[in-house]
Amino acid sequence: AICPSFRKIVFDQSKDEVKALAVEGTKRIRAHADA
């Protein structure tokens, strides 16, 4: 989830932290898929 209410209320994360979570998950899925 990336919208303002979730960033502020649910996760207490900044925009950069929310984006980093999506990117990191993508990298991990790529590694498992390549294997």
PDB file of all heavy atoms in Angstrom:
ATOM      1  N   ALA A   1       0.843  -1.197   0.000  1.00  0.00           N
ATOM      2  CA  ALA A   1       0.000   0.000   0.000  1.00  0.00           C
ATOM      3  C   ALA A   1       0.878   1.246   0.000  1.00  0.00           C
ATOM      4  O   ALA A   1       1.882   1.319   0.712  1.00  0.00           O
ATOM      5  CB  ALA A   1      -0.924  -0.001   1.210  1.00  0.00           C
ATOM      6  N   ILE A   2       0.465   2.253  -0.807  1.00  0.00           N
ATOM      7  CA  ILE A   2       1.349   3.406  -0.984  1.00  0.00           C
ATOM      8  C   ILE A   2       0.660   4.748  -0.762  1.00  0.00           C
ATOM      9  O   ILE A   2       1.312   5.790  -0.851  1.00  0.00           O
ATOM     10  CB  ILE A   2       1.978   3.402  -2.396  1.00  0.00           C
ATOM     11  CG1 ILE A   2       0.912   3.620  -3.478  1.00  0.00           C
ATOM     12  CG2 ILE A   2       2.728   2.094  -2.649  1.00  0.00           C
ATOM     13  CD1 ILE A   2       1.494   3.858  -4.865  1.00  0.00           C
ATOM     14  N   CYS A   3      -0.628   4.785  -0.451  1.00  0.00           N
ATOM     15  CA  CYS A   3      -1.331   6.063  -0.358  1.00  0.00           C
ATOM     16  C   CYS A   3      -0.997   6.785   0.947  1.00  0.00           C
ATOM     17  O   CYS A   3      -0.481   6.183   1.895  1.00  0.00           O
ATOM     18  CB  CYS A   3      -2.836   5.861  -0.497  1.00  0.00           C
ATOM     19  SG  CYS A   3      -3.618   5.165   0.968  1.00  0.00           S
ATOM     20  N   PRO A   4      -1.298   8.082   1.041  1.00  0.00           N
ATOM     21  CA  PRO A   4      -0.905   8.865   2.224  1.00  0.00           C
ATOM     22  C   PRO A   4      -1.446   8.309   3.536  1.00  0.00           C
ATOM     23  O   PRO A   4      -0.709   8.278   4.540  1.00  0.00           O
ATOM     24  CB  PRO A   4      -1.485  10.256   1.934  1.00  0.00           C
ATOM     25  CG  PRO A   4      -1.519  10.343   0.446  1.00  0.00           C
ATOM     26  CD  PRO A   4      -1.849   8.959  -0.027  1.00  0.00           C
ATOM     27  N   SER A   5      -2.699   7.889   3.588  1.00  0.00           N
ATOM     28  CA  SER A   5      -3.256   7.427   4.857  1.00  0.00           C
ATOM     29  C   SER A   5      -2.547   6.170   5.341  1.00  0.00           C
ATOM     30  O   SER A   5      -2.308   5.999   6.551  1.00  0.00           O
ATOM     31  CB  SER A   5      -4.755   7.169   4.722  1.00  0.00           C
ATOM     32  OG  SER A   5      -5.018   6.173   3.754  1.00  0.00           O
ATOM     33  N   PHE A   6      -2.165   5.280   4.430  1.00  0.00           N
ATOM     34  CA  PHE A   6      -1.441   4.079   4.836  1.00  0.00           C
ATOM     35  C   PHE A   6      -0.001   4.420   5.234  1.00  0.00           C
ATOM     36  O   PHE A   6       0.529   3.862   6.197  1.00  0.00           O
ATOM     37  CB  PHE A   6      -1.455   3.041   3.710  1.00  0.00           C
ATOM     38  CG  PHE A   6      -2.670   2.167   3.726  1.00  0.00           C
ATOM     39  CD1 PHE A   6      -3.914   2.665   3.359  1.00  0.00           C
ATOM     40  CD2 PHE A   6      -2.589   0.842   4.118  1.00  0.00           C
ATOM     41  CE1 PHE A   6      -5.040   1.879   3.378  1.00  0.00           C
ATOM     42  CE2 PHE A   6      -3.712   0.036   4.140  1.00  0.00           C
ATOM     43  CZ  PHE A   6      -4.949   0.551   3.770  1.00  0.00           C
ATOM     44  N   ARG A   7       0.624   5.328   4.483  1.00  0.00           N
ATOM     45  CA  ARG A   7       1.992   5.718   4.838  1.00  0.00           C
ATOM     46  C   ARG A   7       2.031   6.325   6.232  1.00  0.00           C
ATOM     47  O   ARG A   7       2.950   6.051   7.022  1.00  0.00           O
ATOM     48  CB  ARG A   7       2.535   6.718   3.809  1.00  0.00           C
ATOM     49  CG  ARG A   7       2.642   6.193   2.398  1.00  0.00           C
ATOM     50  CD  ARG A   7       3.504   7.078   1.502  1.00  0.00           C
ATOM     51  NE  ARG A   7       3.163   8.475   1.495  1.00  0.00           N
ATOM     52  CZ  ARG A   7       2.479   9.108   0.532  1.00  0.00           C
ATOM     53  NH1 ARG A   7       2.046   8.398  -0.511  1.00  0.00           N
ATOM     54  NH2 ARG A   7       2.240  10.396   0.598  1.00  0.00           N
ATOM     55  N   LYS A   8       1.018   7.130   6.564  1.00  0.00           N
ATOM     56  CA  LYS A   8       1.012   7.851   7.828  1.00  0.00           C
ATOM     57  C   LYS A   8       0.439   7.009   8.977  1.00  0.00           C
ATOM     58  O   LYS A   8       1.045   6.933  10.061  1.00  0.00           O
ATOM     59  CB  LYS A   8       0.187   9.133   7.672  1.00  0.00           C
ATOM     60  CG  LYS A   8       0.080   9.969   8.945  1.00  0.00           C
ATOM     61  CD  LYS A   8      -0.705  11.255   8.707  1.00  0.00           C
ATOM     62  CE  LYS A   8      -2.174  10.963   8.427  1.00  0.00           C
ATOM     63  NZ  LYS A   8      -2.978  12.206   8.339  1.00  0.00           N
ATOM     64  N   ILE A   9      -0.708   6.351   8.743  1.00  0.00           N
ATOM     65  CA  ILE A   9      -1.446   5.710   9.832  1.00  0.00           C
ATOM     66  C   ILE A   9      -1.037   4.256  10.034  1.00  0.00           C
ATOM     67  O   ILE A   9      -0.839   3.802  11.168  1.00  0.00           O
ATOM     68  CB  ILE A   9      -2.967   5.797   9.564  1.00  0.00           C
ATOM     69  CG1 ILE A   9      -3.409   7.261   9.467  1.00  0.00           C
ATOM     70  CG2 ILE A   9      -3.760   5.056  10.635  1.00  0.00           C
ATOM     71  CD1 ILE A   9      -4.830   7.444   8.980  1.00  0.00           C
ATOM     72  N   VAL A  10      -0.910   3.521   8.944  1.00  0.00           N
ATOM     73  CA  VAL A  10      -0.706   2.069   9.055  1.00  0.00           C
ATOM     74  C   VAL A  10       0.766   1.723   9.217  1.00  0.00           C
ATOM     75  O   VAL A  10       1.143   0.920  10.089  1.00  0.00           O
ATOM     76  CB  VAL A  10      -1.306   1.341   7.832  1.00  0.00           C
ATOM     77  CG1 VAL A  10      -1.100  -0.171   7.957  1.00  0.00           C
ATOM     78  CG2 VAL A  10      -2.786   1.672   7.693  1.00  0.00           C
ATOM     79  N   PHE A  11       1.643   2.308   8.396  1.00  0.00           N
ATOM     80  CA  PHE A  11       3.041   1.893   8.362  1.00  0.00           C
ATOM     81  C   PHE A  11       4.010   2.894   8.998  1.00  0.00           C
ATOM     82  O   PHE A  11       5.142   2.526   9.338  1.00  0.00           O
ATOM     83  CB  PHE A  11       3.482   1.639   6.912  1.00  0.00           C
ATOM     84  CG  PHE A  11       2.648   0.607   6.209  1.00  0.00           C
ATOM     85  CD1 PHE A  11       2.002   0.908   5.021  1.00  0.00           C
ATOM     86  CD2 PHE A  11       2.506  -0.664   6.728  1.00  0.00           C
ATOM     87  CE1 PHE A  11       1.238  -0.038   4.363  1.00  0.00           C
ATOM     88  CE2 PHE A  11       1.744  -1.612   6.084  1.00  0.00           C
ATOM     89  CZ  PHE A  11       1.098  -1.301   4.894  1.00  0.00           C
ATOM     90  N   ASP A  12       3.574   4.155   9.097  1.00  0.00           N
ATOM     91  CA  ASP A  12       4.472   5.205   9.589  1.00  0.00           C
ATOM     92  C   ASP A  12       5.779   5.191   8.808  1.00  0.00           C
ATOM     93  O   ASP A  12       6.882   5.126   9.367  1.00  0.00           O
ATOM     94  CB  ASP A  12       4.744   5.035  11.092  1.00  0.00           C
ATOM     95  CG  ASP A  12       5.491   6.238  11.688  1.00  0.00           C
ATOM     96  OD1 ASP A  12       5.399   7.326  11.091  1.00  0.00           O
ATOM     97  OD2 ASP A  12       6.171   6.057  12.707  1.00  0.00           O
ATOM     98  N   GLN A  13       5.651   5.264   7.478  1.00  0.00           N
ATOM     99  CA  GLN A  13       6.820   5.232   6.593  1.00  0.00           C
ATOM    100  C   GLN A  13       6.795   6.429   5.644  1.00  0.00           C
ATOM    101  O   GLN A  13       5.730   6.942   5.280  1.00  0.00           O
ATOM    102  CB  GLN A  13       6.830   3.939   5.772  1.00  0.00           C
ATOM    103  CG  GLN A  13       7.123   2.682   6.572  1.00  0.00           C
ATOM    104  CD  GLN A  13       7.184   1.451   5.684  1.00  0.00           C
ATOM    105  OE1 GLN A  13       6.555   1.400   4.633  1.00  0.00           O
ATOM    106  NE2 GLN A  13       7.960   0.458   6.101  1.00  0.00           N
ATOM    107  N   SER A  14       7.959   6.809   5.229  1.00  0.00           N
ATOM    108  CA  SER A  14       8.088   7.884   4.255  1.00  0.00           C
ATOM    109  C   SER A  14       7.856   7.336   2.850  1.00  0.00           C
ATOM    110  O   SER A  14       7.802   6.132   2.631  1.00  0.00           O
ATOM    111  CB  SER A  14       9.489   8.494   4.332  1.00  0.00           C
ATOM    112  OG  SER A  14      10.449   7.526   3.909  1.00  0.00           O
ATOM    113  N   LYS A  15       7.766   8.248   1.893  1.00  0.00           N
ATOM    114  CA  LYS A  15       7.627   7.821   0.503  1.00  0.00           C
ATOM    115  C   LYS A  15       8.818   6.955   0.084  1.00  0.00           C
ATOM    116  O   LYS A  15       8.640   5.925  -0.585  1.00  0.00           O
ATOM    117  CB  LYS A  15       7.521   9.041  -0.412  1.00  0.00           C
ATOM    118  CG  LYS A  15       6.192   9.774  -0.358  1.00  0.00           C
ATOM    119  CD  LYS A  15       6.177  10.916  -1.379  1.00  0.00           C
ATOM    120  CE  LYS A  15       4.835  11.603  -1.435  1.00  0.00           C
ATOM    121  NZ  LYS A  15       4.798  12.704  -2.435  1.00  0.00           N
ATOM    122  N   ASP A  16      10.009   7.358   0.460  1.00  0.00           N
ATOM    123  CA  ASP A  16      11.195   6.596   0.067  1.00  0.00           C
ATOM    124  C   ASP A  16      11.165   5.191   0.662  1.00  0.00           C
ATOM    125  O   ASP A  16      11.556   4.216  -0.001  1.00  0.00           O
ATOM    126  CB  ASP A  16      12.465   7.324   0.513  1.00  0.00           C
ATOM    127  CG  ASP A  16      12.745   8.566  -0.324  1.00  0.00           C
ATOM    128  OD1 ASP A  16      12.190   8.664  -1.444  1.00  0.00           O
ATOM    129  OD2 ASP A  16      13.513   9.444   0.137  1.00  0.00           O
ATOM    130  N   GLU A  17      10.717   5.089   1.905  1.00  0.00           N
ATOM    131  CA  GLU A  17      10.662   3.769   2.529  1.00  0.00           C
ATOM    132  C   GLU A  17       9.614   2.873   1.853  1.00  0.00           C
ATOM    133  O   GLU A  17       9.841   1.676   1.654  1.00  0.00           O
ATOM    134  CB  GLU A  17      10.335   3.919   4.022  1.00  0.00           C
ATOM    135  CG  GLU A  17      11.484   4.499   4.839  1.00  0.00           C
ATOM    136  CD  GLU A  17      11.080   4.813   6.257  1.00  0.00           C
ATOM    137  OE1 GLU A  17       9.984   5.388   6.461  1.00  0.00           O
ATOM    138  OE2 GLU A  17      11.855   4.475   7.183  1.00  0.00           O
ATOM    139  N   VAL A  18       8.478   3.453   1.482  1.00  0.00           N
ATOM    140  CA  VAL A  18       7.428   2.682   0.789  1.00  0.00           C
ATOM    141  C   VAL A  18       7.947   2.209  -0.571  1.00  0.00           C
ATOM    142  O   VAL A  18       7.761   1.053  -0.951  1.00  0.00           O
ATOM    143  CB  VAL A  18       6.159   3.545   0.638  1.00  0.00           C
ATOM    144  CG1 VAL A  18       5.185   2.905  -0.345  1.00  0.00           C
ATOM    145  CG2 VAL A  18       5.486   3.731   1.993  1.00  0.00           C
ATOM    146  N   LYS A  19       8.610   3.106  -1.306  1.00  0.00           N
ATOM    147  CA  LYS A  19       9.150   2.728  -2.614  1.00  0.00           C
ATOM    148  C   LYS A  19      10.238   1.678  -2.461  1.00  0.00           C
ATOM    149  O   LYS A  19      10.307   0.710  -3.242  1.00  0.00           O
ATOM    150  CB  LYS A  19       9.702   3.969  -3.316  1.00  0.00           C
ATOM    151  CG  LYS A  19      10.273   3.668  -4.700  1.00  0.00           C
ATOM    152  CD  LYS A  19      10.645   4.954  -5.441  1.00  0.00           C
ATOM    153  CE  LYS A  19      11.781   5.688  -4.759  1.00  0.00           C
ATOM    154  NZ  LYS A  19      12.257   6.850  -5.564  1.00  0.00           N
ATOM    155  N   ALA A  20      11.069   1.806  -1.463  1.00  0.00           N
ATOM    156  CA  ALA A  20      12.155   0.841  -1.252  1.00  0.00           C
ATOM    157  C   ALA A  20      11.613  -0.554  -0.959  1.00  0.00           C
ATOM    158  O   ALA A  20      12.189  -1.568  -1.386  1.00  0.00           O
ATOM    159  CB  ALA A  20      13.051   1.309  -0.105  1.00  0.00           C
ATOM    160  N   LEU A  21      10.486  -0.615  -0.251  1.00  0.00           N
ATOM    161  CA  LEU A  21       9.878  -1.911   0.048  1.00  0.00           C
ATOM    162  C   LEU A  21       9.449  -2.616  -1.238  1.00  0.00           C
ATOM    163  O   LEU A  21       9.667  -3.826  -1.402  1.00  0.00           O
ATOM    164  CB  LEU A  21       8.672  -1.708   0.967  1.00  0.00           C
ATOM    165  CG  LEU A  21       8.006  -2.978   1.505  1.00  0.00           C
ATOM    166  CD1 LEU A  21       8.941  -3.727   2.445  1.00  0.00           C
ATOM    167  CD2 LEU A  21       6.705  -2.609   2.228  1.00  0.00           C
ATOM    168  N   ALA A  22       8.857  -1.858  -2.159  1.00  0.00           N
ATOM    169  CA  ALA A  22       8.439  -2.444  -3.428  1.00  0.00           C
ATOM    170  C   ALA A  22       9.635  -2.894  -4.251  1.00  0.00           C
ATOM    171  O   ALA A  22       9.633  -3.987  -4.852  1.00  0.00           O
ATOM    172  CB  ALA A  22       7.599  -1.437  -4.211  1.00  0.00           C
ATOM    173  N   VAL A  23      10.675  -2.081  -4.291  1.00  0.00           N
ATOM    174  CA  VAL A  23      11.866  -2.426  -5.067  1.00  0.00           C
ATOM    175  C   VAL A  23      12.570  -3.643  -4.477  1.00  0.00           C
ATOM    176  O   VAL A  23      13.000  -4.553  -5.201  1.00  0.00           O
ATOM    177  CB  VAL A  23      12.825  -1.217  -5.129  1.00  0.00           C
ATOM    178  CG1 VAL A  23      14.174  -1.618  -5.717  1.00  0.00           C
ATOM    179  CG2 VAL A  23      12.194  -0.087  -5.964  1.00  0.00           C
ATOM    180  N   GLU A  24      12.700  -3.691  -3.166  1.00  0.00           N
ATOM    181  CA  GLU A  24      13.388  -4.809  -2.529  1.00  0.00           C
ATOM    182  C   GLU A  24      12.625  -6.112  -2.759  1.00  0.00           C
ATOM    183  O   GLU A  24      13.233  -7.153  -3.034  1.00  0.00           O
ATOM    184  CB  GLU A  24      13.526  -4.536  -1.028  1.00  0.00           C
ATOM    185  CG  GLU A  24      14.324  -5.585  -0.273  1.00  0.00           C
ATOM    186  CD  GLU A  24      15.751  -5.739  -0.785  1.00  0.00           C
ATOM    187  OE1 GLU A  24      16.325  -4.741  -1.266  1.00  0.00           O
ATOM    188  OE2 GLU A  24      16.290  -6.862  -0.704  1.00  0.00           O
ATOM    189  N   GLY A  25      11.307  -6.063  -2.660  1.00  0.00           N
ATOM    190  CA  GLY A  25      10.522  -7.261  -2.934  1.00  0.00           C
ATOM    191  C   GLY A  25      10.691  -7.721  -4.363  1.00  0.00           C
ATOM    192  O   GLY A  25      10.760  -8.929  -4.642  1.00  0.00           O
ATOM    193  N   THR A  26      10.762  -6.787  -5.297  1.00  0.00           N
ATOM    194  CA  THR A  26      10.956  -7.126  -6.707  1.00  0.00           C
ATOM    195  C   THR A  26      12.300  -7.819  -6.914  1.00  0.00           C
ATOM    196  O   THR A  26      12.396  -8.808  -7.657  1.00  0.00           O
ATOM    197  CB  THR A  26      10.871  -5.852  -7.566  1.00  0.00           C
ATOM    198  OG1 THR A  26       9.618  -5.204  -7.335  1.00  0.00           O
ATOM    199  CG2 THR A  26      11.014  -6.175  -9.043  1.00  0.00           C
ATOM    200  N   LYS A  27      13.357  -7.308  -6.271  1.00  0.00           N
ATOM    201  CA  LYS A  27      14.679  -7.929  -6.393  1.00  0.00           C
ATOM    202  C   LYS A  27      14.664  -9.371  -5.879  1.00  0.00           C
ATOM    203  O   LYS A  27      15.252 -10.275  -6.496  1.00  0.00           O
ATOM    204  CB  LYS A  27      15.711  -7.118  -5.612  1.00  0.00           C
ATOM    205  CG  LYS A  27      16.038  -5.761  -6.210  1.00  0.00           C
ATOM    206  CD  LYS A  27      17.043  -5.013  -5.329  1.00  0.00           C
ATOM    207  CE  LYS A  27      17.405  -3.654  -5.918  1.00  0.00           C
ATOM    208  NZ  LYS A  27      18.337  -2.892  -5.046  1.00  0.00           N
ATOM    209  N   ARG A  28      14.007  -9.582  -4.761  1.00  0.00           N
ATOM    210  CA  ARG A  28      13.969 -10.927  -4.187  1.00  0.00           C
ATOM    211  C   ARG A  28      13.199 -11.891  -5.087  1.00  0.00           C
ATOM    212  O   ARG A  28      13.591 -13.051  -5.275  1.00  0.00           O
ATOM    213  CB  ARG A  28      13.329 -10.869  -2.793  1.00  0.00           C
ATOM    214  CG  ARG A  28      14.226 -10.204  -1.749  1.00  0.00           C
ATOM    215  CD  ARG A  28      13.477  -9.945  -0.454  1.00  0.00           C
ATOM    216  NE  ARG A  28      14.393  -9.439   0.585  1.00  0.00           N
ATOM    217  CZ  ARG A  28      14.002  -8.902   1.716  1.00  0.00           C
ATOM    218  NH1 ARG A  28      12.706  -8.773   1.978  1.00  0.00           N
ATOM    219  NH2 ARG A  28      14.898  -8.478   2.600  1.00  0.00           N
ATOM    220  N   ILE A  29      12.095 -11.421  -5.647  1.00  0.00           N
ATOM    221  CA  ILE A  29      11.330 -12.281  -6.558  1.00  0.00           C
ATOM    222  C   ILE A  29      12.153 -12.580  -7.809  1.00  0.00           C
ATOM    223  O   ILE A  29      12.161 -13.712  -8.294  1.00  0.00           O
ATOM    224  CB  ILE A  29       9.987 -11.604  -6.901  1.00  0.00           C
ATOM    225  CG1 ILE A  29       9.084 -11.606  -5.665  1.00  0.00           C
ATOM    226  CG2 ILE A  29       9.298 -12.304  -8.072  1.00  0.00           C
ATOM    227  CD1 ILE A  29       7.813 -10.805  -5.821  1.00  0.00           C
ATOM    228  N   ARG A  30      12.884 -11.595  -8.298  1.00  0.00           N
ATOM    229  CA  ARG A  30      13.760 -11.814  -9.466  1.00  0.00           C
ATOM    230  C   ARG A  30      14.797 -12.883  -9.156  1.00  0.00           C
ATOM    231  O   ARG A  30      15.054 -13.781  -9.976  1.00  0.00           O
ATOM    232  CB  ARG A  30      14.420 -10.502  -9.872  1.00  0.00           C
ATOM    233  CG  ARG A  30      15.576 -10.654 -10.852  1.00  0.00           C
ATOM    234  CD  ARG A  30      15.134 -11.305 -12.166  1.00  0.00           C
ATOM    235  NE  ARG A  30      14.482 -10.341 -13.030  1.00  0.00           N
ATOM    236  CZ  ARG A  30      13.902 -10.669 -14.194  1.00  0.00           C
ATOM    237  NH1 ARG A  30      13.889 -11.936 -14.574  1.00  0.00           N
ATOM    238  NH2 ARG A  30      13.316  -9.763 -14.931  1.00  0.00           N
ATOM    239  N   ALA A  31      15.400 -12.837  -7.987  1.00  0.00           N
ATOM    240  CA  ALA A  31      16.433 -13.817  -7.633  1.00  0.00           C
ATOM    241  C   ALA A  31      15.844 -15.224  -7.563  1.00  0.00           C
ATOM    242  O   ALA A  31      16.439 -16.191  -8.071  1.00  0.00           O
ATOM    243  CB  ALA A  31      17.068 -13.436  -6.296  1.00  0.00           C
ATOM    244  N   HIS A  32      14.682 -15.370  -6.954  1.00  0.00           N
ATOM    245  CA  HIS A  32      14.053 -16.691  -6.866  1.00  0.00           C
ATOM    246  C   HIS A  32      13.627 -17.186  -8.246  1.00  0.00           C
ATOM    247  O   HIS A  32      13.756 -18.383  -8.558  1.00  0.00           O
ATOM    248  CB  HIS A  32      12.836 -16.632  -5.940  1.00  0.00           C
ATOM    249  CG  HIS A  32      13.173 -16.662  -4.482  1.00  0.00           C
ATOM    250  ND1 HIS A  32      13.420 -17.826  -3.798  1.00  0.00           N
ATOM    251  CD2 HIS A  32      13.314 -15.647  -3.580  1.00  0.00           C
ATOM    252  CE1 HIS A  32      13.687 -17.553  -2.524  1.00  0.00           C
ATOM    253  NE2 HIS A  32      13.638 -16.218  -2.367  1.00  0.00           N
ATOM    254  N   ALA A  33      13.132 -16.301  -9.074  1.00  0.00           N
ATOM    255  CA  ALA A  33      12.702 -16.699 -10.418  1.00  0.00           C
ATOM    256  C   ALA A  33      13.910 -17.129 -11.255  1.00  0.00           C
ATOM    257  O   ALA A  33      13.853 -18.151 -11.967  1.00  0.00           O
ATOM    258  CB  ALA A  33      11.961 -15.545 -11.091  1.00  0.00           C
ATOM    259  N   ASP A  34      15.014 -16.382 -11.178  1.00  0.00           N
ATOM    260  CA  ASP A  34      16.204 -16.727 -11.955  1.00  0.00           C
ATOM    261  C   ASP A  34      16.780 -18.072 -11.532  1.00  0.00           C
ATOM    262  O   ASP A  34      17.405 -18.774 -12.344  1.00  0.00           O
ATOM    263  CB  ASP A  34      17.266 -15.631 -11.795  1.00  0.00           C
ATOM    264  CG  ASP A  34      16.878 -14.343 -12.522  1.00  0.00           C
ATOM    265  OD1 ASP A  34      15.945 -14.379 -13.352  1.00  0.00           O
ATOM    266  OD2 ASP A  34      17.491 -13.289 -12.223  1.00  0.00           O
ATOM    267  N   ALA A  35      16.559 -18.456 -10.289  1.00  0.00           N
ATOM    268  CA  ALA A  35      17.062 -19.745  -9.813  1.00  0.00           C
ATOM    269  C   ALA A  35      16.195 -20.917 -10.291  1.00  0.00           C
ATOM    270  O   ALA A  35      16.569 -22.075 -10.086  1.00  0.00           O
ATOM    271  CB  ALA A  35      17.120 -19.741  -8.286  1.00  0.00           C
TER     272      ALA A  35
END
